[in-house]
Amino acid sequence: MALFQVLVVDDEEEFRDMTIKRLSKRDIQAEGAESGEQALERIKRNDIDVVLLDVKMPGMGGVEALRQIKQAQPLIEVVMLTGHASVESGIDGMKLGAFDYLMKPMEFESLLEKLSEAYERKRIQQDKIERAQIQRDMFLPG
């Protein structure tokens, strides 16, 4: 069974495919999207825990994609990928609710650690919500 589900959103096909392959070898279910628009479609149809999102992409950029992902699925954690020239975009993403950002190129182990931390935060948030719902249901008259 997969540990968790990751959506890798990057317009660089080689990077996207290699990352998916390496995550899959670690029992992480990973799939790809080449654009922000495609990512939004995927999160509507699939159960995604963490999105690895490139900041610089043609069409909808990563920051706008982040904004829309968080509106559609607030519990999904997003790790932004940024190059040296777009560190400010990574910081902007943090202000909009991104879990964190990583500079490209990065060590795979660092990426794996960041994705795992993001998933853990999502899991904790889901548990809190479920406990609150159970408590609410216990005290509702009926």
Foldseek 3Di string as FASTA:
>chain_A
DAPFEEEEEALPVVVQVVLCVVSVVVRHHYDYDDDLVRVVVDVVPDPHAEYEAEQDHPDDGRQNSLLVCCVVPVLRAYEYEYEPVVVVSQVSSVVSPHPHYDYPPDDSVVVVVSRVVSSVSSVVVVVVVVVVVVVVVVPDDD
